[in-house]
N, C-alpha and C. Protein backbone atom coordinates (compact mmCIF):
# COMPACT_ATOMS: atom_id res chain seq x y z
N UNK A 1 -29.30 69.80 69.88
CA UNK A 1 -27.86 69.48 70.38
C UNK A 1 -27.33 70.30 70.48
N UNK A 2 -26.97 70.09 68.15
CA UNK A 2 -26.00 71.11 67.56
C UNK A 2 -26.51 72.27 67.72
N UNK A 3 -25.66 73.48 67.92
CA UNK A 3 -26.76 74.93 67.10
C UNK A 3 -25.60 74.84 65.96
N UNK A 4 -26.41 76.04 65.28
CA UNK A 4 -26.10 76.31 64.36
C UNK A 4 -24.75 76.44 63.48
N UNK A 5 -24.17 77.38 64.73
CA UNK A 5 -22.61 77.37 64.72
C UNK A 5 -22.05 76.40 64.72
N UNK A 6 -22.11 75.35 65.49
CA UNK A 6 -21.53 74.44 65.51
C UNK A 6 -21.47 73.59 63.99
N UNK A 7 -20.45 72.73 63.96
CA UNK A 7 -20.06 71.63 62.73
C UNK A 7 -19.84 70.21 63.62
N UNK A 8 -19.86 69.50 62.83
CA UNK A 8 -19.96 68.14 63.38
C UNK A 8 -18.60 67.32 62.52
N UNK A 9 -17.51 66.99 63.04
CA UNK A 9 -16.99 66.49 63.16
C UNK A 9 -17.24 64.99 61.78
N UNK A 10 -16.69 65.02 60.63
CA UNK A 10 -16.77 63.35 60.35
C UNK A 10 -15.73 62.69 60.28
N UNK A 11 -16.43 61.49 60.08
CA UNK A 11 -14.93 60.18 59.79
C UNK A 11 -14.08 60.11 59.17
N UNK A 12 -14.10 60.97 58.55
CA UNK A 12 -12.62 61.43 57.13
C UNK A 12 -11.74 61.85 58.19
N UNK A 13 -12.37 63.58 59.00
CA UNK A 13 -11.63 64.04 59.72
C UNK A 13 -10.62 63.19 60.87
N UNK A 14 -11.47 62.22 61.31
CA UNK A 14 -11.51 61.48 62.98
C UNK A 14 -10.14 60.60 62.03
N UNK A 15 -10.40 60.09 61.20
CA UNK A 15 -9.19 59.20 60.79
C UNK A 15 -7.98 59.80 60.17
N UNK A 16 -8.11 60.89 59.96
CA UNK A 16 -6.48 61.50 59.59
C UNK A 16 -6.04 62.13 60.93
N UNK A 17 -7.02 62.17 61.78
CA UNK A 17 -6.32 62.63 63.25
C UNK A 17 -5.90 61.24 63.72
N UNK A 18 -6.25 59.95 63.93
CA UNK A 18 -5.95 58.42 64.00
C UNK A 18 -4.81 58.48 63.63
N UNK A 19 -4.30 58.44 62.13
CA UNK A 19 -3.16 57.97 61.50
C UNK A 19 -2.22 59.06 61.80
N UNK A 20 -2.47 60.61 61.96
CA UNK A 20 -1.53 61.17 62.54
C UNK A 20 -0.76 60.72 63.30
N UNK A 21 -1.85 60.54 64.35
CA UNK A 21 -1.42 60.67 65.95
C UNK A 21 -0.49 58.91 65.83
N UNK A 22 -0.86 57.85 65.41
CA UNK A 22 -0.04 56.29 65.06
C UNK A 22 1.28 57.23 64.21
N UNK A 23 1.50 57.73 63.29
CA UNK A 23 2.64 58.25 63.05
C UNK A 23 3.79 59.20 63.45
N UNK A 24 3.34 59.80 64.56
CA UNK A 24 4.07 60.16 65.31
C UNK A 24 4.45 59.81 66.65
N UNK A 25 3.73 58.66 66.93
CA UNK A 25 4.45 57.46 67.72
C UNK A 25 5.35 56.78 67.39
N UNK A 26 5.20 56.30 65.83
CA UNK A 26 5.57 55.48 65.28
C UNK A 26 7.04 55.98 65.27
N UNK A 27 7.31 57.46 64.46
CA UNK A 27 8.19 58.27 64.19
C UNK A 27 9.01 59.02 65.94
N UNK A 28 8.71 58.82 66.75
CA UNK A 28 9.01 58.89 68.11
C UNK A 28 9.84 57.61 68.88
N UNK A 29 9.47 56.62 68.05
CA UNK A 29 9.49 55.44 68.72
C UNK A 29 11.11 54.82 67.76
N UNK A 30 11.32 55.61 66.64
CA UNK A 30 12.19 54.76 66.20
C UNK A 30 13.02 56.15 65.68
N UNK A 31 12.87 57.61 66.25
CA UNK A 31 14.19 57.75 66.69
C UNK A 31 14.74 57.68 68.24
N UNK A 32 14.04 57.35 69.02
CA UNK A 32 14.62 56.72 70.40
C UNK A 32 15.14 55.47 70.43
N UNK A 33 14.82 54.68 69.63
CA UNK A 33 15.64 53.11 69.52
C UNK A 33 16.67 53.30 69.23
N UNK A 34 17.60 52.47 70.22
CA UNK A 34 18.65 52.31 70.02
C UNK A 34 19.06 51.81 68.68
N UNK A 35 20.14 51.80 67.70
CA UNK A 35 20.74 51.93 66.45
C UNK A 35 21.42 50.25 66.35
N UNK A 36 21.34 49.86 67.23
CA UNK A 36 22.29 48.37 67.13
C UNK A 36 22.84 48.17 68.84
N UNK A 37 23.03 46.80 68.46
CA UNK A 37 23.76 46.33 70.03
C UNK A 37 25.42 46.46 69.77
N UNK A 38 26.00 46.74 70.68
CA UNK A 38 27.30 46.67 70.42
C UNK A 38 27.95 45.30 69.97
N UNK A 39 28.86 45.47 69.59
CA UNK A 39 29.38 43.64 68.97
C UNK A 39 29.81 42.84 70.12
N UNK A 40 29.30 41.62 70.36
CA UNK A 40 30.18 41.23 71.44
C UNK A 40 31.04 40.78 71.01
N UNK A 41 31.98 40.84 72.95
CA UNK A 41 33.49 40.44 72.85
C UNK A 41 33.63 38.54 72.24
N UNK A 42 34.94 38.35 71.15
CA UNK A 42 34.95 37.37 70.50
C UNK A 42 35.68 36.06 71.89
N UNK A 43 34.94 34.87 71.50
CA UNK A 43 34.81 34.07 72.98
C UNK A 43 37.04 33.91 72.47
N UNK A 44 37.45 33.01 73.86
CA UNK A 44 38.55 32.62 73.70
C UNK A 44 38.45 31.32 72.63
N UNK A 45 39.54 31.30 72.18
CA UNK A 45 39.67 29.88 71.21
C UNK A 45 39.06 28.54 72.22
N UNK A 46 38.31 28.13 71.71
CA UNK A 46 37.85 26.18 72.65
C UNK A 46 39.12 25.23 72.60
N UNK A 47 40.16 25.94 71.51
CA UNK A 47 41.25 24.73 71.24
C UNK A 47 42.38 24.83 72.68
N UNK A 48 42.32 26.25 73.06
CA UNK A 48 43.56 26.14 73.76
C UNK A 48 43.22 26.17 74.77
N UNK A 49 43.82 25.62 75.38
CA UNK A 49 43.69 25.09 77.31
C UNK A 49 43.86 26.27 78.11
N UNK A 50 43.50 26.45 79.39
CA UNK A 50 43.90 27.37 80.29
C UNK A 50 45.73 27.42 80.77
N UNK A 51 46.32 26.17 80.28
CA UNK A 51 47.59 26.11 81.13
C UNK A 51 48.37 26.18 79.92
N UNK A 52 48.22 26.63 78.71
CA UNK A 52 48.52 26.09 77.28
C UNK A 52 49.73 27.33 77.02
N UNK A 53 50.38 27.66 76.16
CA UNK A 53 51.59 28.14 76.12
C UNK A 53 51.64 29.32 76.77
N UNK A 54 52.29 29.95 76.71
CA UNK A 54 52.41 31.43 77.20
C UNK A 54 52.41 32.47 76.33
N UNK A 55 51.84 33.67 76.67
CA UNK A 55 51.70 34.94 75.35
C UNK A 55 52.63 35.50 75.76
N UNK A 56 53.90 35.62 74.61
CA UNK A 56 55.02 36.78 74.79
C UNK A 56 54.69 38.05 75.11
N UNK A 57 53.94 39.19 75.24
CA UNK A 57 53.52 40.35 75.40
C UNK A 57 52.91 40.05 77.12
N UNK A 58 52.43 39.03 77.51
CA UNK A 58 52.36 38.68 79.31
C UNK A 58 53.34 38.49 79.57
N UNK A 59 54.05 37.77 79.49
CA UNK A 59 55.58 37.46 79.85
C UNK A 59 56.83 37.36 79.03
N UNK A 60 57.30 37.56 78.48
CA UNK A 60 58.53 37.34 77.73
C UNK A 60 59.20 36.05 77.79
N UNK A 61 59.80 36.31 79.31
CA UNK A 61 61.02 35.20 79.91
C UNK A 61 59.97 33.99 79.75
N UNK A 62 58.81 33.96 80.21
CA UNK A 62 57.91 32.37 80.13
C UNK A 62 58.84 31.96 78.92
N UNK A 63 57.95 32.61 77.72
CA UNK A 63 57.96 32.87 76.64
C UNK A 63 58.81 32.34 76.06
N UNK A 64 60.06 32.82 76.01
CA UNK A 64 61.38 31.97 75.61
C UNK A 64 61.68 31.04 76.71
N UNK A 65 61.70 30.59 77.87
CA UNK A 65 62.39 29.38 78.70
C UNK A 65 60.88 28.10 78.01
N UNK A 66 59.47 28.97 77.31
CA UNK A 66 58.48 27.55 76.74
C UNK A 66 59.30 27.27 75.20
N UNK A 67 59.60 28.51 74.19
CA UNK A 67 60.39 28.34 73.25
C UNK A 67 61.62 27.47 72.89
N UNK A 68 62.37 27.38 73.84
CA UNK A 68 63.51 26.78 74.53
C UNK A 68 63.07 24.95 75.00
N UNK A 69 62.14 25.41 75.70
CA UNK A 69 61.83 23.73 76.13
C UNK A 69 61.32 22.94 74.86
N UNK A 70 60.49 23.60 73.51
CA UNK A 70 59.86 22.80 72.65
C UNK A 70 61.10 22.62 71.47
N UNK A 71 62.64 23.44 71.85
CA UNK A 71 63.27 23.59 71.23
C UNK A 71 64.17 21.83 71.52
N UNK A 72 64.02 21.71 72.62
CA UNK A 72 64.66 20.46 72.84
C UNK A 72 63.72 19.26 73.24
N UNK A 73 62.53 19.77 73.21
CA UNK A 73 61.53 18.50 72.93
C UNK A 73 61.56 17.66 71.70
N UNK A 74 62.04 18.86 70.36
CA UNK A 74 61.63 18.56 69.39
C UNK A 74 62.78 17.80 68.96
N UNK A 75 64.08 18.38 69.25
CA UNK A 75 65.32 18.12 68.45
C UNK A 75 65.71 19.09 66.80
N UNK A 76 64.83 19.95 67.39
CA UNK A 76 64.79 21.04 65.96
C UNK A 76 63.87 20.37 64.69
N UNK A 77 62.82 19.29 65.00
CA UNK A 77 61.90 18.95 64.43
C UNK A 77 61.00 19.10 63.96
N UNK A 78 60.26 20.45 63.81
CA UNK A 78 58.47 21.11 63.82
C UNK A 78 57.44 19.42 63.92
N UNK A 79 58.00 18.83 63.37
CA UNK A 79 57.29 17.67 63.04
C UNK A 79 56.89 17.01 64.90
N UNK A 80 57.92 16.82 65.40
CA UNK A 80 57.42 16.46 66.75
C UNK A 80 56.80 16.86 67.55
N UNK A 81 56.32 18.32 67.42
CA UNK A 81 55.58 18.90 68.39
C UNK A 81 54.03 18.76 68.02
N UNK A 82 53.20 19.07 69.01
CA UNK A 82 52.01 18.79 68.32
C UNK A 82 50.89 19.73 68.28
N UNK A 83 50.09 19.96 68.06
CA UNK A 83 49.51 20.64 66.56
C UNK A 83 49.54 22.22 67.57
N UNK A 84 49.11 22.08 68.44
CA UNK A 84 49.03 23.23 69.43
C UNK A 84 50.05 24.21 69.64
N UNK A 85 51.05 23.56 70.04
CA UNK A 85 53.11 23.76 70.12
C UNK A 85 53.19 24.59 68.73
N UNK A 86 52.66 23.67 67.01
CA UNK A 86 53.10 24.10 66.20
C UNK A 86 52.95 25.63 65.92
N UNK A 87 50.97 25.41 66.14
CA UNK A 87 50.75 26.95 65.63
C UNK A 87 51.43 27.84 66.76
N UNK A 88 51.16 28.06 68.05
CA UNK A 88 51.94 28.72 68.94
C UNK A 88 53.59 29.08 68.41
N UNK A 89 53.92 28.29 68.49
CA UNK A 89 55.53 28.98 67.57
C UNK A 89 55.45 29.57 66.61
N UNK A 90 54.93 29.09 65.60
CA UNK A 90 54.69 29.52 64.16
C UNK A 90 54.42 31.18 63.83
N UNK A 91 53.33 31.58 64.91
CA UNK A 91 52.62 32.41 65.26
C UNK A 91 54.16 33.61 65.94
N UNK A 92 54.50 32.24 67.08
CA UNK A 92 55.36 33.55 67.82
C UNK A 92 56.58 33.66 66.68
N UNK A 93 56.94 33.11 65.72
CA UNK A 93 58.48 33.37 65.10
C UNK A 93 57.53 34.28 63.67
N UNK A 94 56.64 34.48 63.07
CA UNK A 94 56.21 35.32 62.02
C UNK A 94 56.20 34.28 61.31
N UNK A 95 56.13 32.85 61.36
CA UNK A 95 55.86 32.05 59.98
C UNK A 95 57.31 31.13 60.09
N UNK A 96 58.17 31.52 61.14
CA UNK A 96 59.63 30.36 60.81
C UNK A 96 60.08 29.88 61.77
N UNK A 97 59.10 28.57 62.25
CA UNK A 97 58.83 28.02 62.87
C UNK A 97 60.12 27.14 63.31
N UNK A 98 60.55 26.74 61.97
CA UNK A 98 61.28 25.58 61.30
C UNK A 98 62.69 25.80 61.66
N UNK A 99 62.53 26.92 61.11
CA UNK A 99 64.55 27.60 60.85
C UNK A 99 64.64 28.06 62.07
N UNK A 100 63.54 28.32 63.15
CA UNK A 100 63.81 28.87 64.80
C UNK A 100 63.88 27.58 65.53
N UNK A 101 63.69 26.50 65.21
CA UNK A 101 63.62 25.81 66.29
C UNK A 101 64.87 25.49 65.59
N UNK A 102 65.94 24.94 64.84
CA UNK A 102 66.85 24.48 64.31
C UNK A 102 68.45 25.81 64.83
N UNK A 103 67.81 26.60 64.82
CA UNK A 103 68.70 27.36 65.14
C UNK A 103 68.75 27.86 66.83
N UNK A 104 67.64 28.01 67.25
CA UNK A 104 67.26 27.92 68.82
C UNK A 104 68.00 26.60 69.41
N UNK A 105 68.04 25.38 68.80
CA UNK A 105 68.70 24.11 69.22
C UNK A 105 70.23 24.21 69.17
N UNK A 106 70.80 24.71 68.33
CA UNK A 106 72.33 25.03 67.97
C UNK A 106 72.51 26.05 68.86
N UNK A 107 71.75 27.28 69.30
CA UNK A 107 72.41 27.79 70.16
C UNK A 107 72.25 27.53 71.68
N UNK A 108 71.12 26.29 71.55
CA UNK A 108 70.94 25.88 73.07
C UNK A 108 72.17 25.10 73.37
N UNK A 109 72.79 24.19 72.19
CA UNK A 109 73.99 23.45 72.67
C UNK A 109 75.37 23.71 73.19
N UNK A 110 75.01 25.03 72.66
CA UNK A 110 76.90 25.86 72.86
C UNK A 110 76.57 26.27 74.36
N UNK A 111 78.02 26.01 74.55
CA UNK A 111 78.30 26.28 76.29
C UNK A 111 78.35 27.48 77.01
N UNK A 112 78.37 28.17 75.35
CA UNK A 112 78.42 30.12 75.97
C UNK A 112 76.69 30.43 76.36
N UNK A 113 75.71 29.82 75.91
CA UNK A 113 74.37 29.97 75.97
C UNK A 113 73.49 30.30 77.29
N UNK A 114 72.99 31.42 77.35
CA UNK A 114 72.92 31.48 79.42
C UNK A 114 71.94 30.06 79.68
N UNK A 115 71.76 29.24 78.68
CA UNK A 115 70.65 28.20 79.59
C UNK A 115 72.04 26.92 79.65
N UNK A 116 72.86 27.61 79.81
CA UNK A 116 74.10 26.49 80.16
C UNK A 116 74.96 27.17 81.67
N UNK A 117 74.57 28.39 81.74
CA UNK A 117 74.96 29.22 82.83
C UNK A 117 74.63 28.80 84.27
N UNK A 118 75.33 28.71 85.38
CA UNK A 118 74.37 28.44 86.59
C UNK A 118 74.64 29.93 87.18
N UNK A 119 75.21 30.81 85.85
CA UNK A 119 75.33 31.95 87.16
C UNK A 119 73.95 33.14 86.15
N UNK A 120 73.83 34.51 86.69
CA UNK A 120 72.53 34.98 86.54
C UNK A 120 73.58 35.88 85.30
N UNK A 121 73.01 35.86 83.95
CA UNK A 121 73.04 37.09 83.67
C UNK A 121 73.69 38.43 84.23
N UNK A 122 75.22 38.56 83.39
CA UNK A 122 75.76 40.43 84.12
C UNK A 122 74.66 41.40 83.51
N UNK A 123 74.35 42.44 84.35
CA UNK A 123 73.49 43.41 83.81
C UNK A 123 75.16 44.28 83.70
N UNK A 124 74.69 45.37 82.35
CA UNK A 124 75.09 45.46 81.67
C UNK A 124 75.45 47.46 82.30
N UNK A 125 75.51 47.45 83.77
CA UNK A 125 75.92 48.52 84.13
C UNK A 125 76.93 49.26 84.20
N UNK A 126 77.29 50.88 84.36
CA UNK A 126 78.98 50.47 84.59
C UNK A 126 79.43 50.94 85.52
């Protein structure tokens, strides 16, 4: 069967070859695997309703009207508002919701405030 020039492959050589092949397969799998899933988008807070307070950047005029309504509704007292309205107003005024309500209510009561005027505000074009 074997000629004198042929050498037989021993069990040790087979074990080394199989180990090398397995190592290469593992290395290639590790290199090609993604390093991590992208971070998931943060879910919207569950405590805010879809018809909740407006976002200032989306519609500043609507947010201003909402703030006027909150000032009238509260009578200048922050404790008369719901928790959701207090949080919205506090975030919108950078932590000055109480002072804002008092000042906004004063401004709304003055006859020169645009909310009292039936005319549209004048544009400042020359």
